[in-house]
Structures are given as structure tokens and as C-alpha cells.
Amino acid sequence: MARSDPTGFLATPVETVRRGRGDLGRIAAIVTEHEAVEVVLGLPRSLSGREGPAAAKTREFAVRLSRSVAPVPVRLVDERLTTVSAEAMLRDRGRKGTARRAVVDQAAAVLILQHALDTERATGTAPGEIVEETR
């Protein structure tokens, strides 16, 4: 997970929350603790922009997450190549093997959020799509 500064200018890492029992509760606690005004969630797509099984699972998770953090909105944004970019960035900064793997998810979260912040600042429009709760 990552968060931005109060001005929405800079994304910084928070922690890695592993998927599984208790993940939604932990994310909701972090959202509350950091007084988040929106949650940005990466949507995995292929290089061509198509959505596969991973994107479908992410969309399902996003709906459950939106219920857990309501009334804070959840936004899905394209995350193509963020993990690859995060790995390369950490490798270039001298992080090796296990140490790199331990923080790659946080680095990817920072890249996803920073891209969303930069896009919104440049265009005046938030990227991606708001998750609509289904009943």
C-alpha cells in the first residue's frame, strides 16, 4: 500500500498487505488511520489493454473493498508494467533478491498512486473508474 501527502503531490509506501484472511480489515484500518479520501487500486491488464482473469478477480476484490472502506470511494486504475518497473527501479538502487521481493509490492503501489496523482494534476480529471457497489 501507498499513500499521498495531504497536497496529493507525492506518493510514499505504507506497508504490504498480503491477500487472504483479514486483508480487507487491515486495509480499512489503514484507510481510517491515514484519513484517506480515496483508495486507488491497480487493475491488471495485458499490454494490449485487455482484461483477463486477474482483472476479473481484482474487480471482485474492489467491490468487497469498497464495502469495507465506505464511504471512501475506490478507484480502479491501469497498472500495466508497474511491477516490472518497480523491480527495475529497486534493482537499479541496489536492492538484491529477497530484500527487493519484500518491498516490490510497496514500490508498485507507489508507482500506481504517483501515476494517478500526476495524471489528475496534469489533466484535472482523476484516471480510471470509480468502483460501483453491486448488491
N, C-alpha and C. Protein backbone atom coordinates (compact mmCIF):
# COMPACT_ATOMS: atom_id res chain seq x y z
N MET A 1 0.84 -1.18 0.00
CA MET A 1 0.00 0.00 0.00
C MET A 1 0.88 1.23 0.00
N ALA A 2 0.32 2.30 -0.54
CA ALA A 2 1.00 3.59 -0.57
C ALA A 2 -0.01 4.66 -0.19
N ARG A 3 0.49 5.83 0.15
CA ARG A 3 -0.37 6.96 0.47
C ARG A 3 0.25 8.21 -0.13
N SER A 4 -0.57 9.24 -0.25
CA SER A 4 -0.02 10.51 -0.73
C SER A 4 0.07 11.48 0.44
N ASP A 5 0.86 12.52 0.23
CA ASP A 5 0.92 13.60 1.21
C ASP A 5 -0.41 14.35 1.14
N PRO A 6 -0.71 15.20 2.11
CA PRO A 6 -2.00 15.90 2.13
C PRO A 6 -2.29 16.75 0.89
N THR A 7 -1.24 17.18 0.18
CA THR A 7 -1.46 18.00 -1.01
C THR A 7 -1.72 17.16 -2.26
N GLY A 8 -1.57 15.84 -2.15
CA GLY A 8 -1.77 14.98 -3.32
C GLY A 8 -0.64 15.08 -4.32
N PHE A 9 0.56 15.41 -3.84
CA PHE A 9 1.70 15.61 -4.74
C PHE A 9 2.63 14.41 -4.79
N LEU A 10 2.87 13.77 -3.65
CA LEU A 10 3.89 12.73 -3.57
C LEU A 10 3.35 11.46 -2.93
N ALA A 11 3.55 10.32 -3.60
CA ALA A 11 3.17 9.02 -3.06
C ALA A 11 4.34 8.41 -2.30
N THR A 12 4.04 7.79 -1.16
CA THR A 12 5.06 7.12 -0.36
C THR A 12 4.52 5.76 0.10
N PRO A 13 5.42 4.78 0.32
CA PRO A 13 4.97 3.45 0.74
C PRO A 13 4.43 3.45 2.16
N VAL A 14 3.48 2.55 2.42
CA VAL A 14 2.92 2.38 3.76
C VAL A 14 3.30 0.99 4.28
N GLU A 15 2.76 -0.04 3.67
CA GLU A 15 3.07 -1.42 4.06
C GLU A 15 2.54 -2.36 3.00
N THR A 16 2.99 -3.61 3.07
CA THR A 16 2.46 -4.64 2.19
C THR A 16 1.39 -5.40 2.96
N VAL A 17 0.19 -5.45 2.39
CA VAL A 17 -0.91 -6.21 2.98
C VAL A 17 -1.10 -7.44 2.10
N ARG A 18 -0.85 -8.60 2.66
CA ARG A 18 -1.00 -9.85 1.91
C ARG A 18 -2.47 -10.19 1.75
N ARG A 19 -2.83 -10.69 0.57
CA ARG A 19 -4.20 -11.11 0.32
C ARG A 19 -4.52 -12.32 1.17
N GLY A 20 -5.73 -12.38 1.67
CA GLY A 20 -6.16 -13.51 2.49
C GLY A 20 -6.97 -13.03 3.67
N ARG A 21 -7.17 -13.94 4.61
CA ARG A 21 -8.00 -13.64 5.78
C ARG A 21 -7.52 -12.36 6.47
N GLY A 22 -8.44 -11.43 6.65
CA GLY A 22 -8.12 -10.19 7.36
C GLY A 22 -7.60 -9.06 6.50
N ASP A 23 -7.41 -9.31 5.19
CA ASP A 23 -6.83 -8.26 4.35
C ASP A 23 -7.74 -7.04 4.24
N LEU A 24 -9.04 -7.25 4.06
CA LEU A 24 -9.95 -6.11 3.94
C LEU A 24 -10.00 -5.29 5.23
N GLY A 25 -9.99 -5.98 6.35
CA GLY A 25 -9.99 -5.28 7.64
C GLY A 25 -8.72 -4.46 7.84
N ARG A 26 -7.58 -5.02 7.44
CA ARG A 26 -6.32 -4.29 7.59
C ARG A 26 -6.30 -3.07 6.68
N ILE A 27 -6.76 -3.25 5.44
CA ILE A 27 -6.79 -2.12 4.51
C ILE A 27 -7.73 -1.03 5.04
N ALA A 28 -8.90 -1.43 5.53
CA ALA A 28 -9.84 -0.45 6.08
C ALA A 28 -9.22 0.29 7.26
N ALA A 29 -8.46 -0.41 8.09
CA ALA A 29 -7.80 0.24 9.23
C ALA A 29 -6.77 1.26 8.75
N ILE A 30 -6.02 0.92 7.71
CA ILE A 30 -5.02 1.84 7.17
C ILE A 30 -5.70 3.06 6.56
N VAL A 31 -6.79 2.82 5.84
CA VAL A 31 -7.56 3.93 5.24
C VAL A 31 -8.03 4.89 6.32
N THR A 32 -8.55 4.35 7.41
CA THR A 32 -9.01 5.18 8.53
C THR A 32 -7.84 5.89 9.20
N GLU A 33 -6.78 5.14 9.48
CA GLU A 33 -5.60 5.71 10.16
C GLU A 33 -4.99 6.88 9.39
N HIS A 34 -4.95 6.76 8.07
CA HIS A 34 -4.33 7.81 7.25
C HIS A 34 -5.35 8.82 6.72
N GLU A 35 -6.60 8.68 7.16
CA GLU A 35 -7.67 9.60 6.75
C GLU A 35 -7.74 9.75 5.24
N ALA A 36 -7.70 8.62 4.54
CA ALA A 36 -7.74 8.62 3.08
C ALA A 36 -9.06 9.19 2.57
N VAL A 37 -8.98 9.92 1.48
CA VAL A 37 -10.18 10.47 0.85
C VAL A 37 -10.58 9.64 -0.37
N GLU A 38 -9.68 8.76 -0.81
CA GLU A 38 -9.96 7.86 -1.93
C GLU A 38 -8.95 6.72 -1.88
N VAL A 39 -9.37 5.55 -2.34
CA VAL A 39 -8.48 4.40 -2.46
C VAL A 39 -8.27 4.15 -3.94
N VAL A 40 -7.01 4.06 -4.35
CA VAL A 40 -6.66 3.78 -5.75
C VAL A 40 -6.14 2.35 -5.80
N LEU A 41 -6.76 1.53 -6.64
CA LEU A 41 -6.42 0.12 -6.76
C LEU A 41 -5.99 -0.17 -8.18
N GLY A 42 -4.84 -0.82 -8.34
CA GLY A 42 -4.35 -1.15 -9.67
C GLY A 42 -5.17 -2.24 -10.32
N LEU A 43 -5.48 -2.06 -11.60
CA LEU A 43 -6.23 -3.04 -12.38
C LEU A 43 -5.28 -3.67 -13.39
N PRO A 44 -4.96 -4.96 -13.23
CA PRO A 44 -4.01 -5.60 -14.15
C PRO A 44 -4.63 -5.83 -15.52
N ARG A 45 -3.95 -5.32 -16.52
CA ARG A 45 -4.37 -5.52 -17.91
C ARG A 45 -3.18 -6.02 -18.71
N SER A 46 -3.48 -6.65 -19.83
CA SER A 46 -2.40 -7.08 -20.72
C SER A 46 -1.84 -5.85 -21.43
N LEU A 47 -0.72 -6.01 -22.11
CA LEU A 47 -0.14 -4.88 -22.83
C LEU A 47 -1.09 -4.31 -23.87
N SER A 48 -1.98 -5.16 -24.41
CA SER A 48 -2.95 -4.70 -25.40
C SER A 48 -4.13 -3.97 -24.75
N GLY A 49 -4.20 -4.02 -23.42
CA GLY A 49 -5.29 -3.36 -22.71
C GLY A 49 -6.43 -4.28 -22.35
N ARG A 50 -6.33 -5.54 -22.76
CA ARG A 50 -7.40 -6.50 -22.45
C ARG A 50 -7.36 -6.88 -20.97
N GLU A 51 -8.54 -7.23 -20.49
CA GLU A 51 -8.66 -7.70 -19.11
C GLU A 51 -8.83 -9.21 -19.11
N GLY A 52 -8.03 -9.88 -18.30
CA GLY A 52 -8.09 -11.33 -18.18
C GLY A 52 -8.61 -11.74 -16.82
N PRO A 53 -8.33 -12.98 -16.44
CA PRO A 53 -8.80 -13.50 -15.15
C PRO A 53 -8.30 -12.69 -13.94
N ALA A 54 -7.07 -12.20 -13.99
CA ALA A 54 -6.55 -11.41 -12.86
C ALA A 54 -7.35 -10.12 -12.70
N ALA A 55 -7.73 -9.50 -13.80
CA ALA A 55 -8.52 -8.27 -13.73
C ALA A 55 -9.91 -8.56 -13.17
N ALA A 56 -10.49 -9.70 -13.57
CA ALA A 56 -11.81 -10.07 -13.04
C ALA A 56 -11.75 -10.25 -11.53
N LYS A 57 -10.69 -10.92 -11.05
CA LYS A 57 -10.54 -11.10 -9.60
C LYS A 57 -10.32 -9.77 -8.90
N THR A 58 -9.58 -8.88 -9.54
CA THR A 58 -9.35 -7.55 -8.96
C THR A 58 -10.65 -6.78 -8.87
N ARG A 59 -11.47 -6.86 -9.90
CA ARG A 59 -12.77 -6.17 -9.88
C ARG A 59 -13.65 -6.70 -8.75
N GLU A 60 -13.66 -8.02 -8.56
CA GLU A 60 -14.44 -8.60 -7.46
C GLU A 60 -13.91 -8.11 -6.11
N PHE A 61 -12.59 -8.10 -5.96
CA PHE A 61 -11.98 -7.62 -4.73
C PHE A 61 -12.31 -6.15 -4.51
N ALA A 62 -12.30 -5.37 -5.58
CA ALA A 62 -12.58 -3.93 -5.49
C ALA A 62 -13.99 -3.66 -4.95
N VAL A 63 -14.95 -4.47 -5.35
CA VAL A 63 -16.33 -4.31 -4.84
C VAL A 63 -16.36 -4.61 -3.34
N ARG A 64 -15.70 -5.70 -2.94
CA ARG A 64 -15.66 -6.03 -1.50
C ARG A 64 -14.91 -4.94 -0.72
N LEU A 65 -13.83 -4.44 -1.31
CA LEU A 65 -13.06 -3.38 -0.66
C LEU A 65 -13.90 -2.11 -0.51
N SER A 66 -14.67 -1.77 -1.55
CA SER A 66 -15.48 -0.55 -1.47
C SER A 66 -16.50 -0.63 -0.34
N ARG A 67 -17.00 -1.83 -0.09
CA ARG A 67 -17.93 -2.01 1.04
C ARG A 67 -17.20 -1.84 2.37
N SER A 68 -15.96 -2.30 2.42
CA SER A 68 -15.19 -2.25 3.67
C SER A 68 -14.74 -0.84 4.04
N VAL A 69 -14.50 0.00 3.03
CA VAL A 69 -13.96 1.34 3.31
C VAL A 69 -14.99 2.44 3.13
N ALA A 70 -16.24 2.07 2.78
CA ALA A 70 -17.28 3.08 2.57
C ALA A 70 -17.35 4.00 3.78
N PRO A 71 -17.56 5.27 3.56
CA PRO A 71 -17.94 5.96 2.33
C PRO A 71 -16.77 6.42 1.45
N VAL A 72 -15.54 5.99 1.78
CA VAL A 72 -14.38 6.37 0.96
C VAL A 72 -14.49 5.67 -0.39
N PRO A 73 -14.43 6.42 -1.50
CA PRO A 73 -14.55 5.78 -2.81
C PRO A 73 -13.30 4.98 -3.18
N VAL A 74 -13.51 3.95 -3.98
CA VAL A 74 -12.42 3.13 -4.51
C VAL A 74 -12.37 3.35 -6.02
N ARG A 75 -11.17 3.60 -6.53
CA ARG A 75 -10.96 3.87 -7.96
C ARG A 75 -10.01 2.82 -8.52
N LEU A 76 -10.38 2.24 -9.66
CA LEU A 76 -9.52 1.30 -10.38
C LEU A 76 -8.73 2.05 -11.44
N VAL A 77 -7.41 1.84 -11.47
CA VAL A 77 -6.57 2.47 -12.49
C VAL A 77 -5.67 1.41 -13.13
N ASP A 78 -5.33 1.62 -14.37
CA ASP A 78 -4.48 0.72 -15.13
C ASP A 78 -3.13 0.57 -14.44
N GLU A 79 -2.70 -0.66 -14.25
CA GLU A 79 -1.42 -0.89 -13.58
C GLU A 79 -0.41 -1.60 -14.49
N ARG A 80 -0.62 -1.55 -15.79
CA ARG A 80 0.30 -2.25 -16.70
C ARG A 80 1.75 -1.91 -16.42
N LEU A 81 2.55 -2.92 -16.30
CA LEU A 81 4.01 -2.83 -16.15
C LEU A 81 4.49 -2.22 -14.83
N THR A 82 3.62 -1.96 -13.88
CA THR A 82 4.10 -1.32 -12.65
C THR A 82 5.01 -2.23 -11.84
N THR A 83 4.70 -3.52 -11.76
CA THR A 83 5.57 -4.42 -11.01
C THR A 83 6.92 -4.55 -11.69
N VAL A 84 6.91 -4.64 -13.01
CA VAL A 84 8.17 -4.70 -13.77
C VAL A 84 8.98 -3.43 -13.53
N SER A 85 8.32 -2.28 -13.59
CA SER A 85 9.01 -1.00 -13.35
C SER A 85 9.53 -0.92 -11.92
N ALA A 86 8.74 -1.38 -10.97
CA ALA A 86 9.16 -1.35 -9.57
C ALA A 86 10.38 -2.24 -9.35
N GLU A 87 10.36 -3.44 -9.93
CA GLU A 87 11.50 -4.35 -9.80
C GLU A 87 12.75 -3.71 -10.38
N ALA A 88 12.63 -3.11 -11.56
CA ALA A 88 13.78 -2.48 -12.21
C ALA A 88 14.31 -1.32 -11.36
N MET A 89 13.41 -0.51 -10.82
CA MET A 89 13.81 0.63 -10.00
C MET A 89 14.57 0.15 -8.76
N LEU A 90 14.05 -0.87 -8.10
CA LEU A 90 14.71 -1.39 -6.90
C LEU A 90 16.05 -2.03 -7.24
N ARG A 91 16.11 -2.75 -8.35
CA ARG A 91 17.37 -3.35 -8.78
C ARG A 91 18.41 -2.27 -9.07
N ASP A 92 17.97 -1.21 -9.76
CA ASP A 92 18.88 -0.10 -10.07
C ASP A 92 19.39 0.60 -8.81
N ARG A 93 18.61 0.55 -7.76
CA ARG A 93 19.01 1.20 -6.49
C ARG A 93 19.77 0.25 -5.57
N GLY A 94 20.11 -0.93 -6.10
CA GLY A 94 20.96 -1.85 -5.35
C GLY A 94 20.24 -2.84 -4.47
N ARG A 95 18.91 -2.88 -4.51
CA ARG A 95 18.18 -3.87 -3.71
C ARG A 95 18.37 -5.24 -4.35
N LYS A 96 18.75 -6.21 -3.57
CA LYS A 96 19.03 -7.54 -4.09
C LYS A 96 17.96 -8.54 -3.66
N GLY A 97 17.74 -9.55 -4.49
CA GLY A 97 16.92 -10.72 -4.22
C GLY A 97 15.80 -10.58 -3.23
N THR A 98 15.99 -11.19 -2.06
CA THR A 98 14.94 -11.24 -1.03
C THR A 98 14.54 -9.85 -0.55
N ALA A 99 15.51 -8.97 -0.38
CA ALA A 99 15.20 -7.60 0.07
C ALA A 99 14.34 -6.89 -0.96
N ARG A 100 14.59 -7.12 -2.24
CA ARG A 100 13.81 -6.49 -3.30
C ARG A 100 12.40 -7.06 -3.32
N ARG A 101 12.30 -8.39 -3.24
CA ARG A 101 10.97 -9.02 -3.27
C ARG A 101 10.11 -8.56 -2.10
N ALA A 102 10.72 -8.27 -0.97
CA ALA A 102 9.98 -7.86 0.22
C ALA A 102 9.30 -6.51 0.05
N VAL A 103 9.83 -5.66 -0.81
CA VAL A 103 9.26 -4.32 -0.95
C VAL A 103 8.72 -4.01 -2.34
N VAL A 104 8.77 -4.98 -3.25
CA VAL A 104 8.35 -4.69 -4.63
C VAL A 104 6.87 -4.31 -4.70
N ASP A 105 6.03 -4.92 -3.89
CA ASP A 105 4.60 -4.57 -3.91
C ASP A 105 4.38 -3.14 -3.43
N GLN A 106 5.13 -2.72 -2.41
CA GLN A 106 5.02 -1.33 -1.95
C GLN A 106 5.51 -0.37 -3.02
N ALA A 107 6.60 -0.72 -3.69
CA ALA A 107 7.13 0.14 -4.75
C ALA A 107 6.14 0.23 -5.90
N ALA A 108 5.51 -0.89 -6.25
CA ALA A 108 4.50 -0.88 -7.31
C ALA A 108 3.31 -0.02 -6.89
N ALA A 109 2.89 -0.11 -5.63
CA ALA A 109 1.78 0.71 -5.13
C ALA A 109 2.12 2.19 -5.22
N VAL A 110 3.36 2.54 -4.91
CA VAL A 110 3.80 3.93 -5.03
C VAL A 110 3.71 4.38 -6.48
N LEU A 111 4.18 3.54 -7.42
CA LEU A 111 4.12 3.91 -8.84
C LEU A 111 2.69 4.09 -9.32
N ILE A 112 1.79 3.19 -8.92
CA ILE A 112 0.38 3.29 -9.32
C ILE A 112 -0.23 4.58 -8.80
N LEU A 113 -0.04 4.85 -7.52
CA LEU A 113 -0.61 6.06 -6.92
C LEU A 113 0.02 7.31 -7.50
N GLN A 114 1.34 7.32 -7.66
CA GLN A 114 2.01 8.51 -8.20
C GLN A 114 1.52 8.82 -9.60
N HIS A 115 1.34 7.77 -10.42
CA HIS A 115 0.82 7.99 -11.77
C HIS A 115 -0.59 8.58 -11.71
N ALA A 116 -1.43 8.07 -10.81
CA ALA A 116 -2.79 8.60 -10.67
C ALA A 116 -2.75 10.06 -10.23
N LEU A 117 -1.90 10.38 -9.26
CA LEU A 117 -1.78 11.77 -8.79
C LEU A 117 -1.29 12.69 -9.90
N ASP A 118 -0.26 12.25 -10.63
CA ASP A 118 0.30 13.06 -11.71
C ASP A 118 -0.72 13.28 -12.83
N THR A 119 -1.46 12.22 -13.17
CA THR A 119 -2.47 12.32 -14.22
C THR A 119 -3.56 13.30 -13.83
N GLU A 120 -4.03 13.19 -12.60
CA GLU A 120 -5.09 14.10 -12.14
C GLU A 120 -4.61 15.55 -12.11
N ARG A 121 -3.38 15.74 -11.68
CA ARG A 121 -2.83 17.10 -11.63
C ARG A 121 -2.66 17.67 -13.04
N ALA A 122 -2.24 16.84 -13.99
CA ALA A 122 -1.99 17.31 -15.36
C ALA A 122 -3.27 17.54 -16.15
N THR A 123 -4.28 16.70 -15.91
CA THR A 123 -5.50 16.77 -16.73
C THR A 123 -6.69 17.39 -16.01
N GLY A 124 -6.63 17.43 -14.68
CA GLY A 124 -7.77 17.92 -13.92
C GLY A 124 -8.84 16.87 -13.73
N THR A 125 -8.57 15.66 -14.22
CA THR A 125 -9.53 14.56 -14.12
C THR A 125 -8.84 13.34 -13.52
N ALA A 126 -9.49 12.71 -12.57
CA ALA A 126 -8.92 11.50 -11.97
C ALA A 126 -8.94 10.37 -13.00
N PRO A 127 -7.87 9.59 -13.07
CA PRO A 127 -7.83 8.48 -14.03
C PRO A 127 -8.67 7.31 -13.58
N GLY A 128 -8.91 6.40 -14.49
CA GLY A 128 -9.59 5.15 -14.15
C GLY A 128 -11.07 5.32 -13.93
N GLU A 129 -11.60 4.45 -13.10
CA GLU A 129 -13.05 4.40 -12.88
C GLU A 129 -13.36 4.15 -11.42
N ILE A 130 -14.42 4.77 -10.95
CA ILE A 130 -14.90 4.55 -9.58
C ILE A 130 -15.60 3.19 -9.54
N VAL A 131 -15.34 2.44 -8.49
CA VAL A 131 -15.99 1.14 -8.30
C VAL A 131 -17.41 1.39 -7.81
N GLU A 132 -18.34 0.85 -8.54
CA GLU A 132 -19.75 0.95 -8.15
C GLU A 132 -20.11 -0.29 -7.37
N GLU A 133 -20.67 -0.10 -6.21
CA GLU A 133 -21.06 -1.22 -5.38
C GLU A 133 -22.23 -1.95 -6.02
N THR A 134 -22.11 -3.28 -6.13
CA THR A 134 -23.22 -4.09 -6.63
C THR A 134 -23.85 -4.80 -5.45
N ARG A 135 -25.10 -5.02 -5.53
CA ARG A 135 -25.80 -5.65 -4.41
C ARG A 135 -26.20 -7.05 -4.76
